[in-house]
C-alpha atoms as a PDB file:
ATOM      1  CA  MET A   1     106.548 113.262 142.864  1.00  0.00           C
ATOM      2  CA  GLU A   2     105.692 113.196 139.176  1.00  0.00           C
ATOM      3  CA  GLY A   3     105.057 116.569 137.573  1.00  0.00           C
ATOM      4  CA  PRO A   4     102.122 117.961 135.084  1.00  0.00           C
ATOM      5  CA  SER A   5     104.765 117.576 132.298  1.00  0.00           C
ATOM      6  CA  ALA A   6     105.519 114.044 132.673  1.00  0.00           C
ATOM      7  CA  ARG A   7     102.028 113.206 133.342  1.00  0.00           C
ATOM      8  CA  SER A   8     101.135 114.961 129.794  1.00  0.00           C
ATOM      9  CA  ARG A   9     103.728 113.368 128.046  1.00  0.00           C
ATOM     10  CA  ARG A  10     102.771 109.671 129.322  1.00  0.00           C
ATOM     11  CA  ARG A  11      99.018 110.695 128.248  1.00  0.00           C
ATOM     12  CA  ILE A  12      99.910 111.780 124.621  1.00  0.00           C
ATOM     13  CA  SER A  13     102.528 108.678 124.302  1.00  0.00           C
ATOM     14  CA  ALA A  14      99.685 106.399 125.135  1.00  0.00           C
ATOM     15  CA  LEU A  15      97.461 108.226 122.939  1.00  0.00           C
ATOM     16  CA  VAL A  16      99.686 108.072 119.795  1.00  0.00           C
ATOM     17  CA  ALA A  17     100.562 104.243 120.682  1.00  0.00           C
ATOM     18  CA  ALA A  18      96.335 103.759 120.353  1.00  0.00           C
ATOM     19  CA  LEU A  19      95.954 105.700 117.154  1.00  0.00           C
ATOM     20  CA  ALA A  20      99.203 103.561 115.919  1.00  0.00           C
ATOM     21  CA  ILE A  21      97.319 100.125 116.430  1.00  0.00           C
ATOM     22  CA  ALA A  22      94.146 101.702 115.213  1.00  0.00           C
ATOM     23  CA  ALA A  23      96.031 103.112 112.107  1.00  0.00           C
ATOM     24  CA  GLY A  24      97.201  99.681 111.310  1.00  0.00           C
ATOM     25  CA  ILE A  25      94.072  97.809 111.710  1.00  0.00           C
ATOM     26  CA  ILE A  26      92.072  99.957 109.619  1.00  0.00           C
ATOM     27  CA  GLY A  27      95.080  99.205 107.035  1.00  0.00           C
ATOM     28  CA  GLU A  28      94.713  95.980 107.239  1.00  0.00           C
ATOM     29  CA  ILE A  29      90.809  95.724 106.658  1.00  0.00           C
ATOM     30  CA  ASN A  30      91.400  98.100 103.634  1.00  0.00           C
ATOM     31  CA  VAL A  31      93.873  95.971 102.463  1.00  0.00           C
ATOM     32  CA  PHE A  32      91.610  92.899 102.756  1.00  0.00           C
ATOM     33  CA  GLN A  33      88.262  94.036 101.337  1.00  0.00           C
ATOM     34  CA  THR A  34      90.297  95.599  98.840  1.00  0.00           C
ATOM     35  CA  PHE A  35      92.093  92.855  97.354  1.00  0.00           C
ATOM     36  CA  GLY A  36      90.906  89.695  99.004  1.00  0.00           C
ATOM     37  CA  PRO A  37      87.317  89.649  98.326  1.00  0.00           C
ATOM     38  CA  ILE A  38      86.953  90.953  94.720  1.00  0.00           C
ATOM     39  CA  HIS A  39      87.533  87.580  92.145  1.00  0.00           C
ATOM     40  CA  LEU A  40      86.216  86.167  89.146  1.00  0.00           C
ATOM     41  CA  HIS A  41      83.106  83.341  89.830  1.00  0.00           C
ATOM     42  CA  ASN A  42      85.696  80.857  89.883  1.00  0.00           C
ATOM     43  CA  ASP A  43      88.527  81.937  92.337  1.00  0.00           C
ATOM     44  CA  GLY A  44      86.415  82.667  95.505  1.00  0.00           C
ATOM     45  CA  PRO A  45      84.495  80.828  97.632  1.00  0.00           C
ATOM     46  CA  LEU A  46      81.316  81.469  95.846  1.00  0.00           C
ATOM     47  CA  GLY A  47      81.773  79.371  92.284  1.00  0.00           C
ATOM     48  CA  SER A  48      79.988  78.108  89.509  1.00  0.00           C
ATOM     49  CA  LEU A  49      79.597  75.076  87.094  1.00  0.00           C
ATOM     50  CA  SER A  50      77.793  76.861  84.589  1.00  0.00           C
ATOM     51  CA  GLY A  51      77.349  80.330  82.888  1.00  0.00           C
ATOM     52  CA  ALA A  52      78.034  81.427  79.598  1.00  0.00           C
ATOM     53  CA  GLY A  53      77.746  84.407  77.083  1.00  0.00           C
ATOM     54  CA  PHE A  54      74.468  85.007  75.524  1.00  0.00           C
ATOM     55  CA  ALA A  55      73.498  87.263  72.212  1.00  0.00           C
ATOM     56  CA  PHE A  56      70.052  87.698  71.611  1.00  0.00           C
ATOM     57  CA  ALA A  57      68.802  88.154  68.042  1.00  0.00           C
ATOM     58  CA  SER A  58      67.561  91.788  66.749  1.00  0.00           C
ATOM     59  CA  ASP A  59      64.057  90.255  66.442  1.00  0.00           C
ATOM     60  CA  THR A  60      63.313  89.746  69.703  1.00  0.00           C
ATOM     61  CA  THR A  61      62.413  92.159  72.118  1.00  0.00           C
ATOM     62  CA  GLY A  62      62.906  89.861  75.305  1.00  0.00           C
ATOM     63  CA  PRO A  63      62.307  90.263  78.296  1.00  0.00           C
ATOM     64  CA  TRP A  64      64.887  87.107  79.242  1.00  0.00           C
ATOM     65  CA  THR A  65      65.914  84.958  81.792  1.00  0.00           C
ATOM     66  CA  ALA A  66      69.934  83.617  82.033  1.00  0.00           C
ATOM     67  CA  GLY A  67      70.309  81.337  84.244  1.00  0.00           C
ATOM     68  CA  TYR A  68      73.471  80.315  86.463  1.00  0.00           C
ATOM     69  CA  GLU A  69      74.141  77.381  88.973  1.00  0.00           C
ATOM     70  CA  LEU A  70      75.858  78.594  92.410  1.00  0.00           C
ATOM     71  CA  CYS A  71      77.996  76.732  94.217  1.00  0.00           C
ATOM     72  CA  LEU A  72      80.144  76.492  96.916  1.00  0.00           C
ATOM     73  CA  ARG A  73      83.964  76.441  96.204  1.00  0.00           C
ATOM     74  CA  GLU A  74      85.878  73.405  97.795  1.00  0.00           C
ATOM     75  CA  GLY A  75      86.283  74.359 101.704  1.00  0.00           C
ATOM     76  CA  ALA A  76      84.335  77.237 101.668  1.00  0.00           C
ATOM     77  CA  ASP A  77      81.446  78.252 104.409  1.00  0.00           C
ATOM     78  CA  PRO A  78      78.254  79.171 103.134  1.00  0.00           C
ATOM     79  CA  VAL A  79      77.893  82.200 101.399  1.00  0.00           C
ATOM     80  CA  MET A  80      74.665  84.666 101.631  1.00  0.00           C
ATOM     81  CA  ILE A  81      73.984  86.527  98.326  1.00  0.00           C
ATOM     82  CA  GLU A  82      73.531  90.550  98.849  1.00  0.00           C
ATOM     83  CA  SER A  83      72.665  92.018  95.516  1.00  0.00           C
ATOM     84  CA  VAL A  84      73.440  91.559  91.756  1.00  0.00           C
ATOM     85  CA  SER A  85      74.269  93.811  88.809  1.00  0.00           C
ATOM     86  CA  PRO A  86      76.391  94.404  85.743  1.00  0.00           C
ATOM     87  CA  ALA A  87      79.509  94.427  85.302  1.00  0.00           C
ATOM     88  CA  SER A  88      80.075  96.756  82.720  1.00  0.00           C
ATOM     89  CA  VAL A  89      78.036  98.234  79.795  1.00  0.00           C
ATOM     90  CA  VAL A  90      78.564  97.932  75.782  1.00  0.00           C
ATOM     91  CA  GLY A  91      76.611 100.235  73.632  1.00  0.00           C
ATOM     92  CA  ASP A  92      73.140 101.131  74.358  1.00  0.00           C
ATOM     93  CA  GLY A  93      73.197  98.508  77.540  1.00  0.00           C
ATOM     94  CA  LEU A  94      70.562  96.151  78.641  1.00  0.00           C
ATOM     95  CA  THR A  95      67.595  97.002  81.093  1.00  0.00           C
ATOM     96  CA  TYR A  96      68.351  95.571  84.596  1.00  0.00           C
ATOM     97  CA  LEU A  97      64.689  93.556  85.658  1.00  0.00           C
ATOM     98  CA  GLY A  98      65.934  92.136  88.814  1.00  0.00           C
ATOM     99  CA  ALA A  99      67.012  87.892  90.066  1.00  0.00           C
ATOM    100  CA  PHE A 100      65.991  85.429  92.053  1.00  0.00           C
ATOM    101  CA  VAL A 101      67.456  82.183  93.071  1.00  0.00           C
ATOM    102  CA  ARG A 102      66.184  78.901  93.071  1.00  0.00           C
ATOM    103  CA  GLU A 103      66.751  75.423  94.683  1.00  0.00           C
ATOM    104  CA  ILE A 104      66.791  72.298  92.422  1.00  0.00           C
ATOM    105  CA  PRO A 105      66.249  69.401  93.976  1.00  0.00           C
ATOM    106  CA  GLY A 106      68.313  66.082  94.356  1.00  0.00           C
ATOM    107  CA  VAL A 107      66.771  63.221  92.176  1.00  0.00           C
ATOM    108  CA  THR A 108      67.549  59.575  92.383  1.00  0.00           C
ATOM    109  CA  ASP A 109      66.896  59.040  88.414  1.00  0.00           C
ATOM    110  CA  THR A 110      69.409  61.765  86.237  1.00  0.00           C
ATOM    111  CA  SER A 111      66.080  61.781  83.507  1.00  0.00           C
ATOM    112  CA  THR A 112      64.200  63.520  86.224  1.00  0.00           C
ATOM    113  CA  ARG A 113      66.892  66.156  86.797  1.00  0.00           C
ATOM    114  CA  THR A 114      65.276  69.228  86.296  1.00  0.00           C
ATOM    115  CA  GLY A 115      67.842  71.393  84.130  1.00  0.00           C
ATOM    116  CA  ALA A 116      69.540  75.028  84.399  1.00  0.00           C
ATOM    117  CA  ILE A 117      67.947  77.187  82.580  1.00  0.00           C
ATOM    118  CA  GLY A 118      70.511  78.601  80.111  1.00  0.00           C
ATOM    119  CA  ASN A 119      68.413  81.710  78.858  1.00  0.00           C
ATOM    120  CA  VAL A 120      64.848  81.715  78.084  1.00  0.00           C
ATOM    121  CA  ALA A 121      62.396  84.020  76.483  1.00  0.00           C
ATOM    122  CA  GLY A 122      60.622  85.688  79.754  1.00  0.00           C
ATOM    123  CA  PHE A 123      60.847  87.162  83.005  1.00  0.00           C
ATOM    124  CA  PRO A 124      60.088  85.443  85.909  1.00  0.00           C
ATOM    125  CA  PRO A 125      61.285  82.526  84.586  1.00  0.00           C
ATOM    126  CA  LYS A 126      57.914  79.470  84.404  1.00  0.00           C
ATOM    127  CA  VAL A 127      59.719  77.037  86.424  1.00  0.00           C
ATOM    128  CA  SER A 128      58.191  74.761  89.459  1.00  0.00           C
ATOM    129  CA  GLU A 129      60.653  75.451  92.041  1.00  0.00           C
ATOM    130  CA  THR A 130      59.699  78.572  94.234  1.00  0.00           C
ATOM    131  CA  LEU A 131      61.570  81.890  93.156  1.00  0.00           C
ATOM    132  CA  HIS A 132      63.434  83.236  96.108  1.00  0.00           C
ATOM    133  CA  PRO A 133      64.528  86.975  96.621  1.00  0.00           C
ATOM    134  CA  VAL A 134      68.220  87.352  95.925  1.00  0.00           C
ATOM    135  CA  ALA A 135      69.077  89.744  98.985  1.00  0.00           C
ATOM    136  CA  GLY A 136      69.567  86.862 101.698  1.00  0.00           C
ATOM    137  CA  ALA A 137      69.692  83.623  99.562  1.00  0.00           C
ATOM    138  CA  PRO A 138      72.024  81.290 100.598  1.00  0.00           C
ATOM    139  CA  VAL A 139      73.948  79.083  98.815  1.00  0.00           C
ATOM    140  CA  THR A 140      75.245  75.427 100.652  1.00  0.00           C
ATOM    141  CA  HIS A 141      75.681  72.916  98.118  1.00  0.00           C
ATOM    142  CA  HIS A 142      79.391  72.529  96.984  1.00  0.00           C
ATOM    143  CA  CYS A 143      80.543  72.292  93.332  1.00  0.00           C
ATOM    144  CA  PHE A 144      81.379  68.779  93.779  1.00  0.00           C
ATOM    145  CA  GLY A 145      79.448  66.885  95.794  1.00  0.00           C
ATOM    146  CA  ASN A 146      77.869  63.812  94.231  1.00  0.00           C
ATOM    147  CA  GLY A 147      77.265  64.454  90.475  1.00  0.00           C
ATOM    148  CA  PRO A 148      74.917  65.365  88.570  1.00  0.00           C
ATOM    149  CA  LEU A 149      72.282  63.871  91.110  1.00  0.00           C
ATOM    150  CA  SER A 150      72.982  66.475  93.541  1.00  0.00           C
ATOM    151  CA  PRO A 151      70.907  69.564  94.700  1.00  0.00           C
ATOM    152  CA  TYR A 152      72.099  72.822  93.429  1.00  0.00           C
ATOM    153  CA  THR A 153      70.967  76.375  93.508  1.00  0.00           C
ATOM    154  CA  GLU A 154      70.350  78.627  90.373  1.00  0.00           C
ATOM    155  CA  LEU A 155      70.653  82.614  89.872  1.00  0.00           C
ATOM    156  CA  ASP A 156      68.292  83.651  87.713  1.00  0.00           C
ATOM    157  CA  VAL A 157      68.792  87.262  86.487  1.00  0.00           C
ATOM    158  CA  GLY A 158      66.177  89.117  84.256  1.00  0.00           C
ATOM    159  CA  ILE A 159      67.007  91.219  81.287  1.00  0.00           C
ATOM    160  CA  GLY A 160      65.228  93.624  78.351  1.00  0.00           C
ATOM    161  CA  LYS A 161      66.544  95.525  75.766  1.00  0.00           C
ATOM    162  CA  PRO A 162      65.633  99.361  76.105  1.00  0.00           C
ATOM    163  CA  ALA A 163      63.249 100.719  73.901  1.00  0.00           C
ATOM    164  CA  HIS A 164      64.967 102.201  70.222  1.00  0.00           C
ATOM    165  CA  SER A 165      68.219 100.440  70.964  1.00  0.00           C
ATOM    166  CA  THR A 166      70.912  99.893  68.429  1.00  0.00           C
ATOM    167  CA  GLY A 167      72.853  97.123  70.337  1.00  0.00           C
ATOM    168  CA  GLY A 168      74.435  96.439  73.569  1.00  0.00           C
ATOM    169  CA  GLY A 169      74.715  94.552  76.645  1.00  0.00           C
ATOM    170  CA  TRP A 170      77.258  93.867  79.569  1.00  0.00           C
ATOM    171  CA  THR A 171      80.621  92.567  79.459  1.00  0.00           C
ATOM    172  CA  GLY A 172      78.818  90.605  82.389  1.00  0.00           C
ATOM    173  CA  PHE A 173      77.551  90.861  86.302  1.00  0.00           C
ATOM    174  CA  THR A 174      79.031  90.823  89.230  1.00  0.00           C
ATOM    175  CA  VAL A 175      77.152  89.208  92.683  1.00  0.00           C
ATOM    176  CA  ASP A 176      77.378  90.787  96.313  1.00  0.00           C
ATOM    177  CA  TYR A 177      78.001  88.103  98.504  1.00  0.00           C
ATOM    178  CA  ARG A 178      79.379  87.333 102.274  1.00  0.00           C
ATOM    179  CA  VAL A 179      80.621  84.932 104.139  1.00  0.00           C
ATOM    180  CA  GLY A 180      79.928  85.194 107.891  1.00  0.00           C
ATOM    181  CA  LEU A 181      81.333  88.912 108.315  1.00  0.00           C
ATOM    182  CA  THR A 182      83.398  89.333 105.304  1.00  0.00           C
ATOM    183  CA  GLN A 183      82.082  91.257 102.249  1.00  0.00           C
ATOM    184  CA  TYR A 184      82.985  89.357  98.683  1.00  0.00           C
ATOM    185  CA  VAL A 185      82.140  90.383  94.867  1.00  0.00           C
ATOM    186  CA  ALA A 186      82.663  88.175  92.522  1.00  0.00           C
ATOM    187  CA  THR A 187      82.171  88.730  88.937  1.00  0.00           C
ATOM    188  CA  TRP A 188      81.068  86.627  86.178  1.00  0.00           C
ATOM    189  CA  ASP A 189      82.633  87.616  82.904  1.00  0.00           C
ATOM    190  CA  THR A 190      80.453  86.042  80.416  1.00  0.00           C
ATOM    191  CA  GLY A 191      78.341  88.606  78.576  1.00  0.00           C
ATOM    192  CA  LEU A 192      74.944  89.380  77.656  1.00  0.00           C
ATOM    193  CA  TYR A 193      74.174  91.024  74.538  1.00  0.00           C
ATOM    194  CA  ALA A 194      71.183  92.383  72.491  1.00  0.00           C
ATOM    195  CA  CYS A 195      71.436  92.788  68.822  1.00  0.00           C
ATOM    196  CA  GLY A 196      70.817  95.853  67.044  1.00  0.00           C
ATOM    197  CA  PRO A 197      68.455  96.180  64.262  1.00  0.00           C
ATOM    198  CA  THR A 198      70.302  94.849  61.722  1.00  0.00           C
ATOM    199  CA  GLN A 199      72.742  92.684  63.461  1.00  0.00           C
ATOM    200  CA  PRO A 200      72.709  89.248  63.482  1.00  0.00           C
ATOM    201  CA  ALA A 201      72.591  87.152  66.949  1.00  0.00           C
ATOM    202  CA  ASP A 202      76.516  85.677  65.912  1.00  0.00           C
ATOM    203  CA  GLN A 203      77.537  89.195  65.069  1.00  0.00           C
ATOM    204  CA  CYS A 204      76.343  91.661  67.904  1.00  0.00           C
ATOM    205  CA  PHE A 205      79.610  90.569  70.461  1.00  0.00           C
ATOM    206  CA  PRO A 206      81.545  93.356  70.842  1.00  0.00           C
ATOM    207  CA  PRO A 207      85.371  93.165  69.545  1.00  0.00           C
ATOM    208  CA  ALA A 208      87.565  91.154  71.105  1.00  0.00           C
END
Protein backbone atom coordinates (compact mmCIF):
# COMPACT_ATOMS: atom_id res chain seq x y z
CA MET A 1 0.00 0.00 0.00
CA GLU A 2 1.24 3.46 -0.91
CA GLY A 3 1.99 5.68 2.08
CA PRO A 4 1.04 9.36 2.53
CA SER A 5 4.58 10.54 1.76
CA ALA A 6 4.64 8.71 -1.60
CA ARG A 7 1.27 10.19 -2.59
CA SER A 8 2.52 13.66 -1.62
CA ARG A 9 5.64 13.21 -3.75
CA ARG A 10 3.49 12.17 -6.72
CA ARG A 11 1.25 15.20 -6.32
CA ILE A 12 4.27 17.52 -6.08
CA SER A 13 5.85 15.96 -9.18
CA ALA A 14 2.62 16.37 -11.13
CA LEU A 15 2.33 20.00 -10.01
CA VAL A 16 5.93 20.76 -10.99
CA ALA A 17 5.37 19.17 -14.41
CA ALA A 18 2.20 21.21 -14.97
CA LEU A 19 3.96 24.44 -13.96
CA ALA A 20 6.85 23.68 -16.31
CA ILE A 21 4.46 23.15 -19.23
CA ALA A 22 2.59 26.37 -18.43
CA ALA A 23 5.86 28.32 -18.15
CA GLY A 24 6.95 26.99 -21.53
CA ILE A 25 3.70 28.01 -23.17
CA ILE A 26 3.81 31.49 -21.63
CA GLY A 27 7.45 31.86 -22.67
CA GLU A 28 6.61 30.96 -26.27
CA ILE A 29 3.73 33.43 -26.30
CA ASN A 30 5.92 36.21 -24.89
CA VAL A 31 8.70 35.60 -27.40
CA PHE A 32 6.21 35.53 -30.28
CA GLN A 33 4.43 38.68 -29.15
CA THR A 34 7.74 40.49 -28.67
CA PHE A 35 9.57 39.50 -31.83
CA GLY A 36 6.92 38.31 -34.27
CA PRO A 37 4.15 40.88 -34.61
CA ILE A 38 6.16 44.15 -34.45
CA HIS A 39 7.23 45.22 -37.92
CA LEU A 40 7.67 48.03 -40.43
CA HIS A 41 4.76 48.60 -42.78
CA ASN A 42 6.23 46.51 -45.58
CA ASP A 43 7.39 43.54 -43.48
CA GLY A 44 4.20 42.00 -42.09
CA PRO A 45 0.68 40.93 -43.06
CA LEU A 46 -0.51 44.54 -43.28
CA GLY A 47 1.33 46.44 -45.97
CA SER A 48 1.05 49.52 -48.09
CA LEU A 49 1.54 50.63 -51.66
CA SER A 50 1.73 54.28 -50.66
CA GLY A 51 3.04 56.46 -47.91
CA ALA A 52 5.25 59.53 -47.92
CA GLY A 53 6.63 62.00 -45.42
CA PHE A 54 5.04 65.44 -45.39
CA ALA A 55 6.19 68.84 -44.18
CA PHE A 56 3.58 71.53 -43.68
CA ALA A 57 4.58 75.16 -44.16
CA SER A 58 4.68 77.53 -41.21
CA ASP A 59 1.97 79.80 -42.63
CA THR A 60 -0.61 76.98 -42.66
CA THR A 61 -2.45 76.17 -39.46
CA GLY A 62 -4.10 72.89 -40.36
CA PRO A 63 -5.83 70.63 -39.75
CA TRP A 64 -4.62 68.23 -42.44
CA THR A 65 -5.38 64.71 -43.61
CA ALA A 66 -2.59 62.31 -44.60
CA GLY A 67 -3.74 59.33 -46.66
CA TYR A 68 -2.13 55.90 -46.91
CA GLU A 69 -3.18 52.95 -49.03
CA LEU A 70 -3.49 49.77 -46.98
CA CYS A 71 -3.29 46.28 -48.39
CA LEU A 72 -2.44 42.68 -47.50
CA ARG A 73 0.91 41.15 -48.23
CA GLU A 74 0.99 38.02 -50.37
CA GLY A 75 -0.70 35.09 -48.64
CA ALA A 76 -1.92 37.15 -45.67
CA ASP A 77 -5.35 36.62 -44.17
CA PRO A 78 -7.75 39.59 -43.73
CA VAL A 79 -6.69 42.19 -41.17
CA MET A 80 -8.79 43.99 -38.56
CA ILE A 81 -7.46 47.44 -37.58
CA GLU A 82 -7.69 48.40 -33.91
CA SER A 83 -5.98 51.78 -33.43
CA VAL A 84 -3.58 54.38 -34.82
CA SER A 85 -1.05 56.40 -32.79
CA PRO A 86 2.19 58.43 -33.26
CA ALA A 87 5.37 56.35 -33.37
CA SER A 88 7.49 59.01 -31.63
CA VAL A 89 7.31 62.77 -31.21
CA VAL A 90 9.78 65.43 -32.40
CA GLY A 91 9.77 68.99 -31.02
CA ASP A 92 6.30 70.27 -30.20
CA GLY A 93 4.76 67.32 -31.99
CA LEU A 94 1.40 67.33 -33.71
CA THR A 95 -2.16 67.02 -32.47
CA TYR A 96 -3.70 63.68 -33.39
CA LEU A 97 -7.28 64.33 -34.52
CA GLY A 98 -8.32 60.76 -35.23
CA ALA A 99 -8.43 58.57 -38.31
CA PHE A 100 -10.88 57.00 -40.72
CA VAL A 101 -10.81 54.19 -43.24
CA ARG A 102 -12.53 54.35 -46.62
CA GLU A 103 -13.01 51.73 -49.31
CA ILE A 104 -12.04 52.83 -52.82
CA PRO A 105 -14.10 50.78 -55.29
CA GLY A 106 -12.67 49.06 -58.33
CA VAL A 107 -13.20 50.73 -61.72
CA THR A 108 -13.25 49.69 -65.36
CA ASP A 109 -11.57 52.86 -66.60
CA THR A 110 -8.46 54.38 -64.97
CA SER A 111 -9.68 57.87 -65.83
CA THR A 112 -12.49 57.44 -63.29
CA ARG A 113 -10.21 56.14 -60.53
CA THR A 114 -10.44 58.02 -57.22
CA GLY A 115 -6.88 58.92 -56.27
CA ALA A 116 -5.24 58.50 -52.90
CA ILE A 117 -5.41 61.63 -50.77
CA GLY A 118 -1.69 62.04 -50.19
CA ASN A 119 -2.07 65.11 -47.99
CA VAL A 120 -4.88 67.62 -48.12
CA ALA A 121 -6.11 70.51 -46.01
CA GLY A 122 -8.94 69.79 -43.61
CA PHE A 123 -10.10 66.87 -41.52
CA PRO A 124 -12.25 64.86 -41.93
CA PRO A 125 -11.44 64.85 -45.65
CA LYS A 126 -14.12 65.76 -48.16
CA VAL A 127 -14.49 62.54 -50.15
CA SER A 128 -17.37 60.77 -51.85
CA GLU A 129 -16.78 57.43 -50.09
CA THR A 130 -18.09 56.64 -46.61
CA LEU A 131 -15.59 57.25 -43.82
CA HIS A 132 -15.52 54.35 -41.38
CA PRO A 133 -14.10 54.40 -37.82
CA VAL A 134 -10.64 52.89 -37.55
CA ALA A 135 -11.47 50.50 -34.72
CA GLY A 136 -12.80 47.31 -36.28
CA ALA A 137 -12.16 48.34 -39.88
CA PRO A 138 -11.15 45.37 -42.09
CA VAL A 139 -8.47 45.26 -44.78
CA THR A 140 -9.15 42.53 -47.34
CA HIS A 141 -7.49 43.69 -50.58
CA HIS A 142 -4.06 42.33 -51.51
CA CYS A 143 -1.20 44.64 -52.44
CA PHE A 144 -0.67 43.10 -55.85
CA GLY A 145 -4.13 42.22 -57.08
CA ASN A 146 -5.47 43.31 -60.45
CA GLY A 147 -3.44 46.48 -60.89
CA PRO A 148 -4.65 50.10 -60.98
CA LEU A 149 -8.30 49.13 -61.53
CA SER A 150 -8.55 47.09 -58.33
CA PRO A 151 -10.36 48.26 -55.18
CA TYR A 152 -8.23 49.30 -52.23
CA THR A 153 -8.49 50.55 -48.64
CA GLU A 154 -7.20 53.94 -47.54
CA LEU A 155 -6.27 55.05 -44.03
CA ASP A 156 -6.89 58.79 -43.56
CA VAL A 157 -5.03 60.23 -40.54
CA GLY A 158 -6.06 63.63 -39.15
CA ILE A 159 -3.38 65.92 -37.70
CA GLY A 160 -3.23 69.49 -36.43
CA LYS A 161 -0.55 71.90 -35.26
CA PRO A 162 -0.51 72.74 -31.53
CA ALA A 163 -1.12 76.37 -30.60
CA HIS A 164 2.09 78.45 -30.46
CA SER A 165 4.07 75.59 -32.00
CA THR A 166 7.73 76.27 -32.78
CA GLY A 167 7.83 73.26 -35.09
CA GLY A 168 7.74 69.53 -34.68
CA GLY A 169 5.93 66.39 -35.64
CA TRP A 170 6.05 62.62 -35.68
CA THR A 171 8.74 60.31 -36.97
CA GLY A 172 5.88 58.11 -38.20
CA PHE A 173 2.84 56.38 -36.80
CA THR A 174 1.85 52.91 -35.69
CA VAL A 175 -1.16 50.82 -36.61
CA ASP A 176 -2.32 48.20 -34.12
CA TYR A 177 -4.18 45.38 -35.84
CA ARG A 178 -4.92 41.70 -35.59
CA VAL A 179 -5.14 38.69 -37.83
CA GLY A 180 -7.44 36.22 -36.14
CA LEU A 181 -6.31 36.15 -32.50
CA THR A 182 -2.78 37.39 -33.20
CA GLN A 183 -1.97 41.02 -32.38
CA TYR A 184 0.41 43.04 -34.57
CA VAL A 185 1.90 46.52 -34.52
CA ALA A 186 3.05 48.02 -37.83
CA THR A 187 5.12 51.21 -37.98
CA TRP A 188 4.91 53.59 -40.91
CA ASP A 189 8.29 55.35 -40.79
CA THR A 190 7.01 58.24 -42.90
CA GLY A 191 7.44 61.48 -40.97
CA LEU A 192 4.79 64.16 -40.59
CA TYR A 193 6.06 67.60 -39.57
CA ALA A 194 4.76 71.13 -39.13
CA CYS A 195 7.25 73.96 -39.59
CA GLY A 196 7.95 76.58 -36.97
CA PRO A 197 7.30 80.32 -37.41
CA THR A 198 10.40 80.98 -39.54
CA GLN A 199 11.00 77.60 -41.19
CA PRO A 200 10.11 76.94 -44.84
CA ALA A 201 8.61 73.58 -45.63
CA ASP A 202 11.80 72.21 -47.16
CA GLN A 203 13.80 72.86 -43.97
CA CYS A 204 11.56 71.61 -41.18
CA PHE A 205 12.40 67.90 -41.25
CA PRO A 206 14.52 66.80 -38.28
CA PRO A 207 18.22 66.08 -38.90
CA ALA A 208 18.95 62.69 -40.48
